Amino acid sequence: MQSFTQDYDVARYLEFLWHSLSLSGLAALLVCLVVITMVYASRRYPDSATRYAVRTAIIGYALPGTVLAIGVYVPLAWLDGQISELVQRWLQIETGQLIQGTLITMLIAYLIRFMAVSHYPIDGAMQRITHSIDEAAMSLGLHGWAMIRKVHAPILKSGIFTAATLVFVDVMKEMPITLMTRPFGWDTLAIRIFEMTSEGQWEQAALPAVTLVVAGLIPIFLFMRQTEK
């Protein structure tokens, strides 16, 4: 045990694990919320403009992570500069960077990257909600949020869980976007593995690699249990 603690800073690796888990959870929540809104918009307005907008929104998965990170960082850096300049001009306050180097940049990049991953499970579940189901629910007095909570949510639950699991696992192992957009000091297990292997420290990379695999297996196990049910 003493040799292990000398070779590995356990507290630091727990911090890496917490960063990975919290970031993956936030990304899965954000992506699923946006995709659910998008799927409902497609259901509500099934016109060609909406279909084109949806197809454009889910194209980000085809882009390399490095290209996407640069594509997100450049306009956000420009926007950050404009906001800082306006605040300086109007309020005489030096704001510094408000968007760059924050979790907001990372989450926006993850949203663009992984919308396609969550879209198909949620959209597939939405296809099971036919208009006749809505008409039957309305005949029983259910409208608006009551219909969503009592009729739509139980049907969409499996699709949302699948989508959240896929996004969670993908974000856990995502490296280029995390490396290029993360806040200072916000290292994850994937970043730690990249740093150690880049320096040839293969033994030091073993612990975060195993931890990443185990952490990624947990949602997969829960997904398999949900699928069996």
C-alpha atoms as a PDB file:
ATOM      1  CA  MET A   1       0.000   0.000   0.000  1.00  0.00           C
ATOM      2  CA  GLN A   2       2.862   2.408   0.825  1.00  0.00           C
ATOM      3  CA  SER A   3       4.503   1.721  -2.526  1.00  0.00           C
ATOM      4  CA  PHE A   4       1.196   2.356  -4.263  1.00  0.00           C
ATOM      5  CA  THR A   5       0.637   5.707  -2.590  1.00  0.00           C
ATOM      6  CA  GLN A   6       4.200   6.745  -3.411  1.00  0.00           C
ATOM      7  CA  ASP A   7       3.707   5.985  -7.104  1.00  0.00           C
ATOM      8  CA  TYR A   8       0.207   7.437  -7.327  1.00  0.00           C
ATOM      9  CA  ASP A   9      -1.386  10.484  -5.751  1.00  0.00           C
ATOM     10  CA  VAL A  10      -4.747   8.906  -4.934  1.00  0.00           C
ATOM     11  CA  ALA A  11      -6.408  12.201  -3.999  1.00  0.00           C
ATOM     12  CA  ARG A  12      -5.370  13.707  -7.307  1.00  0.00           C
ATOM     13  CA  TYR A  13      -6.722  10.766  -9.292  1.00  0.00           C
ATOM     14  CA  LEU A  14      -9.987  11.000  -7.399  1.00  0.00           C
ATOM     15  CA  GLU A  15     -10.117  14.636  -8.506  1.00  0.00           C
ATOM     16  CA  PHE A  16      -9.573  13.538 -12.117  1.00  0.00           C
ATOM     17  CA  LEU A  17     -12.361  10.999 -11.699  1.00  0.00           C
ATOM     18  CA  TRP A  18     -14.709  13.620 -10.253  1.00  0.00           C
ATOM     19  CA  HIS A  19     -13.952  15.981 -13.144  1.00  0.00           C
ATOM     20  CA  SER A  20     -14.678  13.235 -15.671  1.00  0.00           C
ATOM     21  CA  LEU A  21     -17.897  12.102 -14.008  1.00  0.00           C
ATOM     22  CA  SER A  22     -19.299  15.578 -13.392  1.00  0.00           C
ATOM     23  CA  LEU A  23     -18.417  16.781 -16.877  1.00  0.00           C
ATOM     24  CA  SER A  24     -19.955  13.686 -18.484  1.00  0.00           C
ATOM     25  CA  GLY A  25     -23.097  14.018 -16.385  1.00  0.00           C
ATOM     26  CA  LEU A  26     -23.556  17.703 -17.228  1.00  0.00           C
ATOM     27  CA  ALA A  27     -22.961  17.041 -20.919  1.00  0.00           C
ATOM     28  CA  ALA A  28     -25.436  14.135 -20.974  1.00  0.00           C
ATOM     29  CA  LEU A  29     -28.081  16.267 -19.245  1.00  0.00           C
ATOM     30  CA  LEU A  30     -27.576  19.256 -21.559  1.00  0.00           C
ATOM     31  CA  VAL A  31     -27.503  17.196 -24.758  1.00  0.00           C
ATOM     32  CA  CYS A  32     -30.627  15.220 -23.844  1.00  0.00           C
ATOM     33  CA  LEU A  33     -32.573  18.364 -22.929  1.00  0.00           C
ATOM     34  CA  VAL A  34     -31.683  20.063 -26.210  1.00  0.00           C
ATOM     35  CA  VAL A  35     -32.411  16.946 -28.273  1.00  0.00           C
ATOM     36  CA  ILE A  36     -35.780  16.399 -26.563  1.00  0.00           C
ATOM     37  CA  THR A  37     -36.714  19.990 -27.434  1.00  0.00           C
ATOM     38  CA  MET A  38     -35.529  19.459 -30.986  1.00  0.00           C
ATOM     39  CA  VAL A  39     -37.471  16.200 -31.377  1.00  0.00           C
ATOM     40  CA  TYR A  40     -40.639  17.804 -30.036  1.00  0.00           C
ATOM     41  CA  ALA A  41     -40.176  20.693 -32.481  1.00  0.00           C
ATOM     42  CA  SER A  42     -39.891  18.198 -35.331  1.00  0.00           C
ATOM     43  CA  ARG A  43     -43.058  16.481 -34.134  1.00  0.00           C
ATOM     44  CA  ARG A  44     -44.912  19.763 -33.787  1.00  0.00           C
ATOM     45  CA  TYR A  45     -43.725  21.329 -37.038  1.00  0.00           C
ATOM     46  CA  PRO A  46     -42.938  18.522 -39.525  1.00  0.00           C
ATOM     47  CA  ASP A  47     -41.992  20.834 -42.383  1.00  0.00           C
ATOM     48  CA  SER A  48     -38.930  20.801 -44.617  1.00  0.00           C
ATOM     49  CA  ALA A  49     -37.269  23.732 -42.814  1.00  0.00           C
ATOM     50  CA  THR A  50     -37.441  21.946 -39.455  1.00  0.00           C
ATOM     51  CA  ARG A  51     -36.114  18.696 -40.932  1.00  0.00           C
ATOM     52  CA  TYR A  52     -33.222  20.563 -42.557  1.00  0.00           C
ATOM     53  CA  ALA A  53     -32.410  22.327 -39.266  1.00  0.00           C
ATOM     54  CA  VAL A  54     -32.383  19.010 -37.393  1.00  0.00           C
ATOM     55  CA  ARG A  55     -30.132  17.358 -39.956  1.00  0.00           C
ATOM     56  CA  THR A  56     -27.751  20.296 -39.778  1.00  0.00           C
ATOM     57  CA  ALA A  57     -27.710  20.179 -35.972  1.00  0.00           C
ATOM     58  CA  ILE A  58     -26.674  16.521 -35.810  1.00  0.00           C
ATOM     59  CA  ILE A  59     -23.874  16.760 -38.376  1.00  0.00           C
ATOM     60  CA  GLY A  60     -21.305  17.632 -35.698  1.00  0.00           C
ATOM     61  CA  TYR A  61     -20.566  13.971 -34.933  1.00  0.00           C
ATOM     62  CA  ALA A  62     -18.957  13.631 -38.359  1.00  0.00           C
ATOM     63  CA  LEU A  63     -16.386  16.350 -37.564  1.00  0.00           C
ATOM     64  CA  PRO A  64     -13.035  15.505 -35.944  1.00  0.00           C
ATOM     65  CA  GLY A  65     -12.839  16.617 -32.332  1.00  0.00           C
ATOM     66  CA  THR A  66      -9.866  18.915 -32.962  1.00  0.00           C
ATOM     67  CA  VAL A  67     -11.589  20.708 -35.851  1.00  0.00           C
ATOM     68  CA  LEU A  68     -14.766  21.105 -33.831  1.00  0.00           C
ATOM     69  CA  ALA A  69     -12.878  22.461 -30.810  1.00  0.00           C
ATOM     70  CA  ILE A  70     -11.210  25.126 -32.954  1.00  0.00           C
ATOM     71  CA  GLY A  71     -14.489  25.913 -34.692  1.00  0.00           C
ATOM     72  CA  VAL A  72     -16.176  26.502 -31.345  1.00  0.00           C
ATOM     73  CA  TYR A  73     -13.285  28.297 -29.658  1.00  0.00           C
ATOM     74  CA  VAL A  74     -12.699  30.940 -32.345  1.00  0.00           C
ATOM     75  CA  PRO A  75     -16.232  32.458 -32.438  1.00  0.00           C
ATOM     76  CA  LEU A  76     -16.570  32.216 -28.653  1.00  0.00           C
ATOM     77  CA  ALA A  77     -13.239  34.015 -28.233  1.00  0.00           C
ATOM     78  CA  TRP A  78     -14.488  36.766 -30.561  1.00  0.00           C
ATOM     79  CA  LEU A  79     -17.787  36.995 -28.647  1.00  0.00           C
ATOM     80  CA  ASP A  80     -15.915  37.115 -25.363  1.00  0.00           C
ATOM     81  CA  GLY A  81     -13.798  39.988 -26.648  1.00  0.00           C
ATOM     82  CA  GLN A  82     -16.858  41.911 -27.820  1.00  0.00           C
ATOM     83  CA  ILE A  83     -18.620  41.494 -24.480  1.00  0.00           C
ATOM     84  CA  SER A  84     -15.514  42.561 -22.580  1.00  0.00           C
ATOM     85  CA  GLU A  85     -15.129  45.623 -24.799  1.00  0.00           C
ATOM     86  CA  LEU A  86     -18.771  46.651 -24.351  1.00  0.00           C
ATOM     87  CA  VAL A  87     -18.636  46.271 -20.569  1.00  0.00           C
ATOM     88  CA  GLN A  88     -15.389  48.248 -20.460  1.00  0.00           C
ATOM     89  CA  ARG A  89     -16.901  51.016 -22.582  1.00  0.00           C
ATOM     90  CA  TRP A  90     -20.226  51.303 -20.752  1.00  0.00           C
ATOM     91  CA  LEU A  91     -19.406  50.386 -17.156  1.00  0.00           C
ATOM     92  CA  GLN A  92     -15.662  51.005 -17.021  1.00  0.00           C
ATOM     93  CA  ILE A  93     -15.175  47.502 -15.586  1.00  0.00           C
ATOM     94  CA  GLU A  94     -12.375  45.157 -16.594  1.00  0.00           C
ATOM     95  CA  THR A  95     -14.097  41.786 -16.987  1.00  0.00           C
ATOM     96  CA  GLY A  96     -11.350  39.662 -18.525  1.00  0.00           C
ATOM     97  CA  GLN A  97     -12.415  36.381 -20.074  1.00  0.00           C
ATOM     98  CA  LEU A  98     -16.035  35.500 -19.378  1.00  0.00           C
ATOM     99  CA  ILE A  99     -16.558  32.543 -21.736  1.00  0.00           C
ATOM    100  CA  GLN A 100     -13.118  31.319 -22.760  1.00  0.00           C
ATOM    101  CA  GLY A 101     -11.556  28.751 -20.500  1.00  0.00           C
ATOM    102  CA  THR A 102     -14.836  27.868 -18.781  1.00  0.00           C
ATOM    103  CA  LEU A 103     -17.051  24.808 -18.705  1.00  0.00           C
ATOM    104  CA  ILE A 104     -19.494  26.678 -20.947  1.00  0.00           C
ATOM    105  CA  THR A 105     -17.117  26.352 -23.889  1.00  0.00           C
ATOM    106  CA  MET A 106     -16.636  22.640 -23.244  1.00  0.00           C
ATOM    107  CA  LEU A 107     -20.363  21.964 -22.928  1.00  0.00           C
ATOM    108  CA  ILE A 108     -21.155  23.838 -26.140  1.00  0.00           C
ATOM    109  CA  ALA A 109     -18.547  21.800 -27.991  1.00  0.00           C
ATOM    110  CA  TYR A 110     -19.893  18.552 -26.507  1.00  0.00           C
ATOM    111  CA  LEU A 111     -23.424  19.574 -27.441  1.00  0.00           C
ATOM    112  CA  ILE A 112     -22.484  20.053 -31.079  1.00  0.00           C
ATOM    113  CA  ARG A 113     -20.390  16.901 -31.121  1.00  0.00           C
ATOM    114  CA  PHE A 114     -22.801  14.438 -29.505  1.00  0.00           C
ATOM    115  CA  MET A 115     -26.276  15.592 -30.521  1.00  0.00           C
ATOM    116  CA  ALA A 116     -26.370  12.889 -33.179  1.00  0.00           C
ATOM    117  CA  VAL A 117     -25.568  10.222 -30.582  1.00  0.00           C
ATOM    118  CA  SER A 118     -28.610  11.111 -28.482  1.00  0.00           C
ATOM    119  CA  HIS A 119     -30.924  12.128 -31.319  1.00  0.00           C
ATOM    120  CA  TYR A 120     -31.592   8.704 -32.782  1.00  0.00           C
ATOM    121  CA  PRO A 121     -32.557   6.903 -29.520  1.00  0.00           C
ATOM    122  CA  ILE A 122     -34.846   9.750 -28.445  1.00  0.00           C
ATOM    123  CA  ASP A 123     -36.321  10.216 -31.911  1.00  0.00           C
ATOM    124  CA  GLY A 124     -36.914   6.461 -32.171  1.00  0.00           C
ATOM    125  CA  ALA A 125     -38.794   6.527 -28.873  1.00  0.00           C
ATOM    126  CA  MET A 126     -40.775   9.552 -30.037  1.00  0.00           C
ATOM    127  CA  GLN A 127     -41.872   7.667 -33.152  1.00  0.00           C
ATOM    128  CA  ARG A 128     -43.743   5.247 -30.876  1.00  0.00           C
ATOM    129  CA  ILE A 129     -45.959   8.106 -29.685  1.00  0.00           C
ATOM    130  CA  THR A 130     -48.528   8.250 -32.454  1.00  0.00           C
ATOM    131  CA  HIS A 131     -51.112  10.986 -32.883  1.00  0.00           C
ATOM    132  CA  SER A 132     -53.827   8.498 -31.935  1.00  0.00           C
ATOM    133  CA  ILE A 133     -52.173   8.180 -28.505  1.00  0.00           C
ATOM    134  CA  ASP A 134     -52.316  11.956 -28.110  1.00  0.00           C
ATOM    135  CA  GLU A 135     -55.960  12.019 -29.177  1.00  0.00           C
ATOM    136  CA  ALA A 136     -56.813   9.268 -26.713  1.00  0.00           C
ATOM    137  CA  ALA A 137     -55.031  11.155 -23.923  1.00  0.00           C
ATOM    138  CA  MET A 138     -56.858  14.386 -24.760  1.00  0.00           C
ATOM    139  CA  SER A 139     -60.179  12.541 -24.729  1.00  0.00           C
ATOM    140  CA  LEU A 140     -59.360  11.584 -21.121  1.00  0.00           C
ATOM    141  CA  GLY A 141     -58.702  15.214 -20.210  1.00  0.00           C
ATOM    142  CA  LEU A 142     -54.902  15.293 -20.451  1.00  0.00           C
ATOM    143  CA  HIS A 143     -53.337  18.360 -22.071  1.00  0.00           C
ATOM    144  CA  GLY A 144     -49.967  20.110 -22.144  1.00  0.00           C
ATOM    145  CA  TRP A 145     -47.555  19.169 -19.351  1.00  0.00           C
ATOM    146  CA  ALA A 146     -49.982  16.641 -17.902  1.00  0.00           C
ATOM    147  CA  MET A 147     -49.898  14.687 -21.165  1.00  0.00           C
ATOM    148  CA  ILE A 148     -46.096  14.892 -21.338  1.00  0.00           C
ATOM    149  CA  ARG A 149     -45.690  13.742 -17.736  1.00  0.00           C
ATOM    150  CA  LYS A 150     -48.217  10.892 -17.759  1.00  0.00           C
ATOM    151  CA  VAL A 151     -48.122   9.672 -21.371  1.00  0.00           C
ATOM    152  CA  HIS A 152     -45.007  10.832 -23.205  1.00  0.00           C
ATOM    153  CA  ALA A 153     -42.425  10.572 -20.400  1.00  0.00           C
ATOM    154  CA  PRO A 154     -42.934   6.835 -19.691  1.00  0.00           C
ATOM    155  CA  ILE A 155     -42.620   6.053 -23.402  1.00  0.00           C
ATOM    156  CA  LEU A 156     -39.573   8.274 -23.889  1.00  0.00           C
ATOM    157  CA  LYS A 157     -37.828   7.081 -20.714  1.00  0.00           C
ATOM    158  CA  SER A 158     -35.949   4.185 -22.321  1.00  0.00           C
ATOM    159  CA  GLY A 159     -34.797   6.321 -25.260  1.00  0.00           C
ATOM    160  CA  ILE A 160     -33.633   9.129 -22.983  1.00  0.00           C
ATOM    161  CA  PHE A 161     -31.754   6.682 -20.769  1.00  0.00           C
ATOM    162  CA  THR A 162     -30.046   5.144 -23.800  1.00  0.00           C
ATOM    163  CA  ALA A 163     -29.112   8.568 -25.178  1.00  0.00           C
ATOM    164  CA  ALA A 164     -27.761   9.772 -21.830  1.00  0.00           C
ATOM    165  CA  THR A 165     -25.680   6.609 -21.432  1.00  0.00           C
ATOM    166  CA  LEU A 166     -24.129   6.937 -24.880  1.00  0.00           C
ATOM    167  CA  VAL A 167     -23.280  10.617 -24.387  1.00  0.00           C
ATOM    168  CA  PHE A 168     -21.901   9.952 -20.893  1.00  0.00           C
ATOM    169  CA  VAL A 169     -19.528   7.235 -22.120  1.00  0.00           C
ATOM    170  CA  ASP A 170     -18.421   9.266 -25.157  1.00  0.00           C
ATOM    171  CA  VAL A 171     -17.634  12.350 -23.061  1.00  0.00           C
ATOM    172  CA  MET A 172     -15.724  10.240 -20.533  1.00  0.00           C
ATOM    173  CA  LYS A 173     -13.230   9.196 -23.190  1.00  0.00           C
ATOM    174  CA  GLU A 174     -13.281  12.356 -25.322  1.00  0.00           C
ATOM    175  CA  MET A 175      -9.807  13.880 -25.445  1.00  0.00           C
ATOM    176  CA  PRO A 176      -9.258  16.518 -28.188  1.00  0.00           C
ATOM    177  CA  ILE A 177     -12.196  18.761 -27.235  1.00  0.00           C
ATOM    178  CA  THR A 178     -11.440  18.448 -23.525  1.00  0.00           C
ATOM    179  CA  LEU A 179      -7.740  19.148 -24.035  1.00  0.00           C
ATOM    180  CA  MET A 180      -8.293  22.279 -26.137  1.00  0.00           C
ATOM    181  CA  THR A 181     -11.254  23.885 -24.338  1.00  0.00           C
ATOM    182  CA  ARG A 182     -10.905  22.898 -20.666  1.00  0.00           C
ATOM    183  CA  PRO A 183     -10.401  25.489 -17.911  1.00  0.00           C
ATOM    184  CA  PHE A 184      -6.932  25.764 -16.443  1.00  0.00           C
ATOM    185  CA  GLY A 185      -6.275  22.831 -14.124  1.00  0.00           C
ATOM    186  CA  TRP A 186      -9.474  21.017 -15.081  1.00  0.00           C
ATOM    187  CA  ASP A 187      -7.819  17.743 -16.023  1.00  0.00           C
ATOM    188  CA  THR A 188      -9.805  14.574 -16.601  1.00  0.00           C
ATOM    189  CA  LEU A 189      -8.814  10.922 -16.748  1.00  0.00           C
ATOM    190  CA  ALA A 190      -8.577  11.076 -20.541  1.00  0.00           C
ATOM    191  CA  ILE A 191      -6.265  14.116 -20.338  1.00  0.00           C
ATOM    192  CA  ARG A 192      -4.115  12.407 -17.717  1.00  0.00           C
ATOM    193  CA  ILE A 193      -3.763   9.301 -19.873  1.00  0.00           C
ATOM    194  CA  PHE A 194      -2.768  11.437 -22.861  1.00  0.00           C
ATOM    195  CA  GLU A 195      -0.146  13.345 -20.863  1.00  0.00           C
ATOM    196  CA  MET A 196       1.405  10.221 -19.364  1.00  0.00           C
ATOM    197  CA  THR A 197       1.538   8.271 -22.629  1.00  0.00           C
ATOM    198  CA  SER A 198       2.933  11.300 -24.480  1.00  0.00           C
ATOM    199  CA  GLU A 199       5.844  11.333 -22.020  1.00  0.00           C
ATOM    200  CA  GLY A 200       6.312   7.571 -22.248  1.00  0.00           C
ATOM    201  CA  GLN A 201       5.184   6.990 -18.666  1.00  0.00           C
ATOM    202  CA  TRP A 202       3.110   3.934 -19.438  1.00  0.00           C
ATOM    203  CA  GLU A 203       3.025   2.618 -15.879  1.00  0.00           C
ATOM    204  CA  GLN A 204       1.760   5.966 -14.567  1.00  0.00           C
ATOM    205  CA  ALA A 205      -0.996   5.893 -17.208  1.00  0.00           C
ATOM    206  CA  ALA A 206      -2.223   2.478 -16.045  1.00  0.00           C
ATOM    207  CA  LEU A 207      -4.275   3.687 -13.067  1.00  0.00           C
ATOM    208  CA  PRO A 208      -6.250   6.427 -14.879  1.00  0.00           C
ATOM    209  CA  ALA A 209      -6.772   4.049 -17.821  1.00  0.00           C
ATOM    210  CA  VAL A 210      -8.226   1.328 -15.605  1.00  0.00           C
ATOM    211  CA  THR A 211     -10.288   3.895 -13.705  1.00  0.00           C
ATOM    212  CA  LEU A 212     -11.661   5.270 -16.977  1.00  0.00           C
ATOM    213  CA  VAL A 213     -12.646   1.788 -18.155  1.00  0.00           C
ATOM    214  CA  VAL A 214     -14.356   0.931 -14.853  1.00  0.00           C
ATOM    215  CA  ALA A 215     -16.180   4.271 -14.703  1.00  0.00           C
ATOM    216  CA  GLY A 216     -17.350   3.797 -18.284  1.00  0.00           C
ATOM    217  CA  LEU A 217     -18.597   0.286 -17.557  1.00  0.00           C
ATOM    218  CA  ILE A 218     -20.969   1.433 -14.809  1.00  0.00           C
ATOM    219  CA  PRO A 219     -23.467   3.230 -17.115  1.00  0.00           C
ATOM    220  CA  ILE A 220     -23.147   0.371 -19.614  1.00  0.00           C
ATOM    221  CA  PHE A 221     -24.100  -2.081 -16.866  1.00  0.00           C
ATOM    222  CA  LEU A 222     -27.083   0.085 -15.884  1.00  0.00           C
ATOM    223  CA  PHE A 223     -28.071   0.313 -19.545  1.00  0.00           C
ATOM    224  CA  MET A 224     -28.021  -3.463 -19.905  1.00  0.00           C
ATOM    225  CA  ARG A 225     -30.171  -3.824 -16.785  1.00  0.00           C
ATOM    226  CA  GLN A 226     -32.626  -1.281 -18.178  1.00  0.00           C
ATOM    227  CA  THR A 227     -32.705  -3.085 -21.531  1.00  0.00           C
ATOM    228  CA  GLU A 228     -33.481  -6.405 -19.856  1.00  0.00           C
ATOM    229  CA  LYS A 229     -36.391  -4.796 -18.002  1.00  0.00           C
END
